[in-house]
Each structure stands twice: as C-alpha cells, then as structure tokens.
C-alpha cells in the first residue's frame, strides 16, 4: 500500500530506540499468506514463543455508495481491498499467531496467549462515505466473540479495541483545523486520541486474565454523527 514505506521506516526507527531487551522488526503484508507465515517463522526462531499479538494494520476509503450528481458508483475493487486488508488481514495474522502460541506452555491459569484486534466506532456509527470501512470494522467486531470461543480450549484470549477519532496516519493528512474540529467533537477529553491511550488499554487487556471476547470502545464518550 502507499503508506507501507512510511510504516516500515517508522517501525525500524522505533525498535532502534528501545534499549531494554532490544526488539526485532519484521515487515510483512497482512494479506499475503506466505509473508505472514515467514514473519511468524522468524519470530519463532528468534524468541521461541509468542505471548501477545496486537492487530493494527488498516486502510480506509471515503466514497458514497452512489453519487447521483456524478452518476458514479463506489468502486467494487476498492470495497474488496478495504475488507481484504482490514478484516482478511486481521484473520490471516490471527491464524498464524495461534499456530505459534499453540506451542507455549500454559501459565497457572491455563493461558497461552492474548490477541487484540483493532475495530472502530465506525462499526457502530459508520458515517456517510464509510460503507467499506464500517463493514470491515464491523467484521472485526463480529469476529471477536467466536474467535474467543474458538480458541478457548487453547487458552488464548481475544479482545478488540474500537477507537474513536485518533491521531493516526489516516487522519494526519487532514488539515490541522479539521483535526482540531474532530477533537473538539469528543465530550471529554476534547482531543484526538493518541498512541498512549491505545497502549494503556492494550496493556490492561493483556494483564487482565478475565477479559475475553469483549469489544471495548475507546472514544471519550463520542458518538459519531452521520
């Protein structure tokens, strides 16, 4: 995707700045089965285990289903691409993560691992032009409980985070005035969410062994208008 080089460079920069137990950085296309398999094989070879996975890869497009003024319809290829990356890519990563986690020795509570997926408030309040994006995030919401049930016999928990308006690469391209306006829509705190907000919740999910099969909104009480 067009943003891939930026993401790869940011990932390499981040890992190079972490000194305590230096991490490793692996790049892969979530929709490519072979690349994801190779990535998890590298993880297995380096660490011999995998305890947690956080799925954050995603894209979005903004098109109405049909524009009556231009007599144009939403591209079918664009619709499929968004679902393939957001929903299909998430599932592709999950199945290979489970393959590695299956080798973990369970902890005293029987847990082998935790998987956290990234949904969106668009799954519940999709806006005009968000049919593809909302459908893809709705799929992640709907996958959460059956995934948790599927993997319960292995001791793998599955939860999802549904962020509101966050300062992400998808919003970074918007004018600053628009980003400020979006932040001001949030009841409290009246700002865009950030990576620390997401990380705090992800850590809480990982550390709480009774959180499973749940989708948690992280939106400052925001409910999106049409």
C-alpha atoms as a PDB file:
ATOM      1  CA  UNK A   1       0.000   0.000   0.000  1.00  0.00           C
ATOM      2  CA  UNK A   2       1.029   3.622  -0.470  1.00  0.00           C
ATOM      3  CA  UNK A   3       1.727   4.103   3.244  1.00  0.00           C
ATOM      4  CA  UNK A   4       3.814   0.962   3.637  1.00  0.00           C
ATOM      5  CA  UNK A   5       7.293   2.560   3.278  1.00  0.00           C
ATOM      6  CA  UNK A   6       6.409   5.158   5.923  1.00  0.00           C
ATOM      7  CA  UNK A   7       5.162   2.451   8.299  1.00  0.00           C
ATOM      8  CA  UNK A   8       8.244   0.294   7.753  1.00  0.00           C
ATOM      9  CA  UNK A   9      10.609   3.225   8.346  1.00  0.00           C
ATOM     10  CA  UNK A  10       8.718   4.238  11.498  1.00  0.00           C
ATOM     11  CA  UNK A  11       8.865   0.681  12.797  1.00  0.00           C
ATOM     12  CA  UNK A  12      12.594   0.411  12.231  1.00  0.00           C
ATOM     13  CA  UNK A  13      13.162   3.777  13.912  1.00  0.00           C
ATOM     14  CA  UNK A  14      11.085   2.810  16.943  1.00  0.00           C
ATOM     15  CA  UNK A  15      12.805  -0.510  17.520  1.00  0.00           C
ATOM     16  CA  UNK A  16      16.250   1.063  17.161  1.00  0.00           C
ATOM     17  CA  UNK A  17      15.469   3.441  20.051  1.00  0.00           C
ATOM     18  CA  UNK A  18      14.429   0.730  22.512  1.00  0.00           C
ATOM     19  CA  UNK A  19      17.448  -0.303  24.548  1.00  0.00           C
ATOM     20  CA  UNK A  20      15.955  -2.602  27.183  1.00  0.00           C
ATOM     21  CA  UNK A  21      15.770  -6.110  25.722  1.00  0.00           C
ATOM     22  CA  UNK A  22      16.174  -4.859  22.122  1.00  0.00           C
ATOM     23  CA  UNK A  23      13.206  -5.869  19.964  1.00  0.00           C
ATOM     24  CA  UNK A  24      13.197  -7.137  16.400  1.00  0.00           C
ATOM     25  CA  UNK A  25      11.332  -5.578  13.487  1.00  0.00           C
ATOM     26  CA  UNK A  26       9.727  -7.692  10.754  1.00  0.00           C
ATOM     27  CA  UNK A  27       7.857  -6.309   7.752  1.00  0.00           C
ATOM     28  CA  UNK A  28       5.023  -8.197   6.057  1.00  0.00           C
ATOM     29  CA  UNK A  29       1.846  -7.624   4.046  1.00  0.00           C
ATOM     30  CA  UNK A  30      -1.045  -8.851   6.201  1.00  0.00           C
ATOM     31  CA  UNK A  31      -2.937 -10.018   3.101  1.00  0.00           C
ATOM     32  CA  UNK A  32      -0.038 -12.158   1.866  1.00  0.00           C
ATOM     33  CA  UNK A  33      -0.156 -15.670   3.313  1.00  0.00           C
ATOM     34  CA  UNK A  34       3.471 -16.506   2.580  1.00  0.00           C
ATOM     35  CA  UNK A  35       4.841 -13.255   4.007  1.00  0.00           C
ATOM     36  CA  UNK A  36       2.871 -13.684   7.226  1.00  0.00           C
ATOM     37  CA  UNK A  37       3.961 -17.307   7.532  1.00  0.00           C
ATOM     38  CA  UNK A  38       7.594 -16.301   7.020  1.00  0.00           C
ATOM     39  CA  UNK A  39       7.286 -13.496   9.582  1.00  0.00           C
ATOM     40  CA  UNK A  40       5.929 -15.793  12.284  1.00  0.00           C
ATOM     41  CA  UNK A  41       8.571 -18.389  11.495  1.00  0.00           C
ATOM     42  CA  UNK A  42      11.202 -15.693  12.101  1.00  0.00           C
ATOM     43  CA  UNK A  43       9.544 -14.761  15.394  1.00  0.00           C
ATOM     44  CA  UNK A  44       9.508 -18.403  16.440  1.00  0.00           C
ATOM     45  CA  UNK A  45      13.168 -18.803  15.504  1.00  0.00           C
ATOM     46  CA  UNK A  46      14.261 -15.675  17.396  1.00  0.00           C
ATOM     47  CA  UNK A  47      12.119 -15.881  20.536  1.00  0.00           C
ATOM     48  CA  UNK A  48      10.784 -19.463  20.524  1.00  0.00           C
ATOM     49  CA  UNK A  49       7.408 -18.188  21.747  1.00  0.00           C
ATOM     50  CA  UNK A  50       4.710 -15.585  21.161  1.00  0.00           C
ATOM     51  CA  UNK A  51       2.610 -14.257  24.034  1.00  0.00           C
ATOM     52  CA  UNK A  52       0.574 -11.403  22.552  1.00  0.00           C
ATOM     53  CA  UNK A  53      -0.474 -10.034  19.172  1.00  0.00           C
ATOM     54  CA  UNK A  54      -1.998  -6.615  18.516  1.00  0.00           C
ATOM     55  CA  UNK A  55      -3.518  -6.207  15.059  1.00  0.00           C
ATOM     56  CA  UNK A  56      -3.381  -2.563  13.930  1.00  0.00           C
ATOM     57  CA  UNK A  57      -2.906  -2.712  10.153  1.00  0.00           C
ATOM     58  CA  UNK A  58      -5.741  -0.996   8.320  1.00  0.00           C
ATOM     59  CA  UNK A  59      -6.773   1.251   5.449  1.00  0.00           C
ATOM     60  CA  UNK A  60      -9.808   3.351   4.611  1.00  0.00           C
ATOM     61  CA  UNK A  61     -11.530   4.979   1.653  1.00  0.00           C
ATOM     62  CA  UNK A  62     -14.281   7.589   1.506  1.00  0.00           C
ATOM     63  CA  UNK A  63     -16.894   7.041  -1.203  1.00  0.00           C
ATOM     64  CA  UNK A  64     -20.654   7.172  -1.242  1.00  0.00           C
ATOM     65  CA  UNK A  65     -22.313   4.007  -2.478  1.00  0.00           C
ATOM     66  CA  UNK A  66     -23.719   6.056  -5.343  1.00  0.00           C
ATOM     67  CA  UNK A  67     -23.170   9.712  -6.271  1.00  0.00           C
ATOM     68  CA  UNK A  68     -26.285  10.873  -8.078  1.00  0.00           C
ATOM     69  CA  UNK A  69     -24.725  14.161  -9.207  1.00  0.00           C
ATOM     70  CA  UNK A  70     -21.738  12.491 -10.862  1.00  0.00           C
ATOM     71  CA  UNK A  71     -23.639   9.333 -11.801  1.00  0.00           C
ATOM     72  CA  UNK A  72     -20.807   7.308 -10.312  1.00  0.00           C
ATOM     73  CA  UNK A  73     -20.815   4.317  -8.002  1.00  0.00           C
ATOM     74  CA  UNK A  74     -18.477   3.084  -5.299  1.00  0.00           C
ATOM     75  CA  UNK A  75     -15.704   1.030  -6.880  1.00  0.00           C
ATOM     76  CA  UNK A  76     -16.123  -2.674  -6.199  1.00  0.00           C
ATOM     77  CA  UNK A  77     -12.359  -3.245  -6.204  1.00  0.00           C
ATOM     78  CA  UNK A  78     -11.898  -0.526  -3.561  1.00  0.00           C
ATOM     79  CA  UNK A  79     -14.604  -2.098  -1.416  1.00  0.00           C
ATOM     80  CA  UNK A  80     -12.958  -5.521  -1.630  1.00  0.00           C
ATOM     81  CA  UNK A  81      -9.497  -4.075  -0.959  1.00  0.00           C
ATOM     82  CA  UNK A  82     -10.578  -2.442   2.312  1.00  0.00           C
ATOM     83  CA  UNK A  83     -12.253  -5.630   3.541  1.00  0.00           C
ATOM     84  CA  UNK A  84      -9.298  -7.741   2.432  1.00  0.00           C
ATOM     85  CA  UNK A  85      -6.777  -5.648   4.389  1.00  0.00           C
ATOM     86  CA  UNK A  86      -8.815  -4.786   7.466  1.00  0.00           C
ATOM     87  CA  UNK A  87     -10.809  -7.974   8.037  1.00  0.00           C
ATOM     88  CA  UNK A  88      -8.966 -10.555   5.938  1.00  0.00           C
ATOM     89  CA  UNK A  89      -5.523  -9.357   7.002  1.00  0.00           C
ATOM     90  CA  UNK A  90      -6.522  -9.443  10.659  1.00  0.00           C
ATOM     91  CA  UNK A  91      -7.728 -13.024  10.350  1.00  0.00           C
ATOM     92  CA  UNK A  92      -4.616 -14.051   8.413  1.00  0.00           C
ATOM     93  CA  UNK A  93      -2.378 -12.783  11.226  1.00  0.00           C
ATOM     94  CA  UNK A  94      -4.536 -14.413  13.908  1.00  0.00           C
ATOM     95  CA  UNK A  95      -4.407 -17.908  12.459  1.00  0.00           C
ATOM     96  CA  UNK A  96      -0.606 -17.883  12.173  1.00  0.00           C
ATOM     97  CA  UNK A  97      -0.252 -16.342  15.630  1.00  0.00           C
ATOM     98  CA  UNK A  98      -2.298 -19.216  17.042  1.00  0.00           C
ATOM     99  CA  UNK A  99      -0.009 -21.673  15.290  1.00  0.00           C
ATOM    100  CA  UNK A 100       2.949 -20.270  17.257  1.00  0.00           C
ATOM    101  CA  UNK A 101       1.072 -19.755  20.543  1.00  0.00           C
ATOM    102  CA  UNK A 102      -0.059 -23.383  20.486  1.00  0.00           C
ATOM    103  CA  UNK A 103       3.496 -24.394  21.427  1.00  0.00           C
ATOM    104  CA  UNK A 104       3.524 -22.183  24.545  1.00  0.00           C
ATOM    105  CA  UNK A 105       3.370 -23.857  27.919  1.00  0.00           C
ATOM    106  CA  UNK A 106       0.174 -22.571  29.578  1.00  0.00           C
ATOM    107  CA  UNK A 107       0.531 -20.352  32.630  1.00  0.00           C
ATOM    108  CA  UNK A 108      -1.004 -21.339  36.012  1.00  0.00           C
ATOM    109  CA  UNK A 109      -4.436 -20.201  34.754  1.00  0.00           C
ATOM    110  CA  UNK A 110      -4.091 -22.181  31.539  1.00  0.00           C
ATOM    111  CA  UNK A 111      -3.415 -19.170  29.315  1.00  0.00           C
ATOM    112  CA  UNK A 112      -1.177 -19.458  26.265  1.00  0.00           C
ATOM    113  CA  UNK A 113      -1.616 -16.034  24.698  1.00  0.00           C
ATOM    114  CA  UNK A 114      -3.655 -12.901  24.025  1.00  0.00           C
ATOM    115  CA  UNK A 115      -4.844 -11.432  20.727  1.00  0.00           C
ATOM    116  CA  UNK A 116      -6.081  -7.838  20.461  1.00  0.00           C
ATOM    117  CA  UNK A 117      -7.717  -6.627  17.255  1.00  0.00           C
ATOM    118  CA  UNK A 118      -8.460  -3.052  16.234  1.00  0.00           C
ATOM    119  CA  UNK A 119     -12.046  -2.272  15.295  1.00  0.00           C
ATOM    120  CA  UNK A 120     -13.501   1.262  15.194  1.00  0.00           C
ATOM    121  CA  UNK A 121     -16.527   3.215  16.342  1.00  0.00           C
ATOM    122  CA  UNK A 122     -17.350   3.216  12.617  1.00  0.00           C
ATOM    123  CA  UNK A 123     -18.515  -0.365  13.160  1.00  0.00           C
ATOM    124  CA  UNK A 124     -21.422   1.109  15.154  1.00  0.00           C
ATOM    125  CA  UNK A 125     -21.794   4.640  13.741  1.00  0.00           C
ATOM    126  CA  UNK A 126     -20.417   4.490  10.226  1.00  0.00           C
ATOM    127  CA  UNK A 127     -20.604   7.878   8.541  1.00  0.00           C
ATOM    128  CA  UNK A 128     -21.509   8.900   5.014  1.00  0.00           C
ATOM    129  CA  UNK A 129     -18.878   7.513   2.663  1.00  0.00           C
ATOM    130  CA  UNK A 130     -17.709   4.856   5.137  1.00  0.00           C
ATOM    131  CA  UNK A 131     -19.572   1.803   3.850  1.00  0.00           C
ATOM    132  CA  UNK A 132     -16.415  -0.190   3.084  1.00  0.00           C
ATOM    133  CA  UNK A 133     -14.533   0.907   6.201  1.00  0.00           C
ATOM    134  CA  UNK A 134     -17.518   0.380   8.507  1.00  0.00           C
ATOM    135  CA  UNK A 135     -18.166  -3.055   7.013  1.00  0.00           C
ATOM    136  CA  UNK A 136     -14.554  -4.092   7.570  1.00  0.00           C
ATOM    137  CA  UNK A 137     -14.519  -2.894  11.171  1.00  0.00           C
ATOM    138  CA  UNK A 138     -17.941  -4.422  11.789  1.00  0.00           C
ATOM    139  CA  UNK A 139     -16.453  -7.723  10.683  1.00  0.00           C
ATOM    140  CA  UNK A 140     -13.728  -7.392  13.309  1.00  0.00           C
ATOM    141  CA  UNK A 141     -16.344  -6.668  15.981  1.00  0.00           C
ATOM    142  CA  UNK A 142     -18.372  -9.708  14.893  1.00  0.00           C
ATOM    143  CA  UNK A 143     -15.286 -11.953  14.851  1.00  0.00           C
ATOM    144  CA  UNK A 144     -14.350 -11.184  18.440  1.00  0.00           C
ATOM    145  CA  UNK A 145     -16.694 -13.488  20.347  1.00  0.00           C
ATOM    146  CA  UNK A 146     -16.492 -16.508  18.004  1.00  0.00           C
ATOM    147  CA  UNK A 147     -12.701 -16.183  17.919  1.00  0.00           C
ATOM    148  CA  UNK A 148     -12.598 -16.164  21.715  1.00  0.00           C
ATOM    149  CA  UNK A 149     -14.820 -19.226  21.784  1.00  0.00           C
ATOM    150  CA  UNK A 150     -12.841 -20.964  19.027  1.00  0.00           C
ATOM    151  CA  UNK A 151      -9.583 -20.508  20.913  1.00  0.00           C
ATOM    152  CA  UNK A 152     -10.833 -21.035  24.467  1.00  0.00           C
ATOM    153  CA  UNK A 153      -9.723 -24.674  24.535  1.00  0.00           C
ATOM    154  CA  UNK A 154      -6.177 -23.482  23.782  1.00  0.00           C
ATOM    155  CA  UNK A 155      -6.163 -20.820  26.485  1.00  0.00           C
ATOM    156  CA  UNK A 156      -5.899 -17.934  24.011  1.00  0.00           C
ATOM    157  CA  UNK A 157      -7.947 -14.818  24.808  1.00  0.00           C
ATOM    158  CA  UNK A 158      -9.289 -12.476  22.116  1.00  0.00           C
ATOM    159  CA  UNK A 159     -10.497  -8.896  22.581  1.00  0.00           C
ATOM    160  CA  UNK A 160     -10.923  -5.885  20.329  1.00  0.00           C
ATOM    161  CA  UNK A 161     -10.452  -2.163  20.827  1.00  0.00           C
ATOM    162  CA  UNK A 162     -12.810   0.188  18.975  1.00  0.00           C
ATOM    163  CA  UNK A 163     -11.078   3.590  18.849  1.00  0.00           C
ATOM    164  CA  UNK A 164     -12.876   6.850  18.178  1.00  0.00           C
ATOM    165  CA  UNK A 165     -11.086   9.728  16.436  1.00  0.00           C
ATOM    166  CA  UNK A 166      -7.371   9.088  16.853  1.00  0.00           C
ATOM    167  CA  UNK A 167      -4.263  10.820  15.582  1.00  0.00           C
ATOM    168  CA  UNK A 168      -3.240   8.149  13.069  1.00  0.00           C
ATOM    169  CA  UNK A 169      -1.613   8.291   9.623  1.00  0.00           C
ATOM    170  CA  UNK A 170      -5.133   8.214   8.124  1.00  0.00           C
ATOM    171  CA  UNK A 171      -6.005  11.477   9.915  1.00  0.00           C
ATOM    172  CA  UNK A 172      -2.554  13.058   9.725  1.00  0.00           C
ATOM    173  CA  UNK A 173      -3.130  14.090   6.113  1.00  0.00           C
ATOM    174  CA  UNK A 174      -6.131  16.236   7.086  1.00  0.00           C
ATOM    175  CA  UNK A 175      -5.690  19.994   7.645  1.00  0.00           C
ATOM    176  CA  UNK A 176      -4.929  20.921  11.257  1.00  0.00           C
ATOM    177  CA  UNK A 177      -8.219  22.844  11.533  1.00  0.00           C
ATOM    178  CA  UNK A 178     -10.137  19.704  10.605  1.00  0.00           C
ATOM    179  CA  UNK A 179      -8.213  17.618  13.141  1.00  0.00           C
ATOM    180  CA  UNK A 180      -8.938  20.225  15.820  1.00  0.00           C
ATOM    181  CA  UNK A 181     -12.629  20.165  14.903  1.00  0.00           C
ATOM    182  CA  UNK A 182     -12.715  16.387  15.177  1.00  0.00           C
ATOM    183  CA  UNK A 183     -11.019  16.518  18.571  1.00  0.00           C
ATOM    184  CA  UNK A 184     -13.497  19.102  19.819  1.00  0.00           C
ATOM    185  CA  UNK A 185     -16.363  16.712  18.991  1.00  0.00           C
ATOM    186  CA  UNK A 186     -15.211  14.407  21.788  1.00  0.00           C
ATOM    187  CA  UNK A 187     -17.130  15.109  25.046  1.00  0.00           C
ATOM    188  CA  UNK A 188     -14.107  14.514  27.297  1.00  0.00           C
ATOM    189  CA  UNK A 189     -11.223  14.782  26.922  1.00  0.00           C
ATOM    190  CA  UNK A 190     -11.906  17.062  23.935  1.00  0.00           C
ATOM    191  CA  UNK A 191      -8.998  15.967  21.769  1.00  0.00           C
ATOM    192  CA  UNK A 192      -7.911  13.273  19.362  1.00  0.00           C
ATOM    193  CA  UNK A 193      -6.871  10.005  20.903  1.00  0.00           C
ATOM    194  CA  UNK A 194      -3.204   9.077  20.738  1.00  0.00           C
ATOM    195  CA  UNK A 195      -0.983   6.016  20.777  1.00  0.00           C
ATOM    196  CA  UNK A 196      -0.519   6.183  24.563  1.00  0.00           C
ATOM    197  CA  UNK A 197      -4.285   5.979  25.075  1.00  0.00           C
ATOM    198  CA  UNK A 198      -4.422   2.872  22.915  1.00  0.00           C
ATOM    199  CA  UNK A 199      -1.347   1.319  24.543  1.00  0.00           C
ATOM    200  CA  UNK A 200      -2.755   1.771  28.062  1.00  0.00           C
ATOM    201  CA  UNK A 201      -5.896  -0.147  27.149  1.00  0.00           C
ATOM    202  CA  UNK A 202      -3.971  -2.840  25.278  1.00  0.00           C
ATOM    203  CA  UNK A 203      -1.765  -3.346  28.337  1.00  0.00           C
ATOM    204  CA  UNK A 204      -4.824  -3.583  30.588  1.00  0.00           C
ATOM    205  CA  UNK A 205      -6.332  -6.258  28.338  1.00  0.00           C
ATOM    206  CA  UNK A 206      -3.100  -8.242  28.325  1.00  0.00           C
ATOM    207  CA  UNK A 207      -2.765  -8.046  32.116  1.00  0.00           C
ATOM    208  CA  UNK A 208      -6.397  -8.881  32.980  1.00  0.00           C
ATOM    209  CA  UNK A 209      -6.908 -12.634  32.523  1.00  0.00           C
ATOM    210  CA  UNK A 210     -10.703 -12.370  32.750  1.00  0.00           C
ATOM    211  CA  UNK A 211     -11.119 -10.039  29.782  1.00  0.00           C
ATOM    212  CA  UNK A 212     -12.110 -12.204  26.844  1.00  0.00           C
ATOM    213  CA  UNK A 213     -14.471 -11.983  23.872  1.00  0.00           C
ATOM    214  CA  UNK A 214     -15.059  -8.277  24.513  1.00  0.00           C
ATOM    215  CA  UNK A 215     -15.020  -5.199  22.269  1.00  0.00           C
ATOM    216  CA  UNK A 216     -14.082  -2.065  24.212  1.00  0.00           C
ATOM    217  CA  UNK A 217     -14.822   1.413  22.885  1.00  0.00           C
ATOM    218  CA  UNK A 218     -12.023   3.926  23.385  1.00  0.00           C
ATOM    219  CA  UNK A 219     -13.642   7.170  22.313  1.00  0.00           C
ATOM    220  CA  UNK A 220     -14.045   9.704  25.150  1.00  0.00           C
ATOM    221  CA  UNK A 221     -17.858   9.170  25.038  1.00  0.00           C
ATOM    222  CA  UNK A 222     -18.007  10.196  21.365  1.00  0.00           C
ATOM    223  CA  UNK A 223     -20.961   9.127  19.223  1.00  0.00           C
ATOM    224  CA  UNK A 224     -20.373   9.950  15.575  1.00  0.00           C
ATOM    225  CA  UNK A 225     -22.978  11.919  13.587  1.00  0.00           C
ATOM    226  CA  UNK A 226     -23.954  10.834  10.066  1.00  0.00           C
END
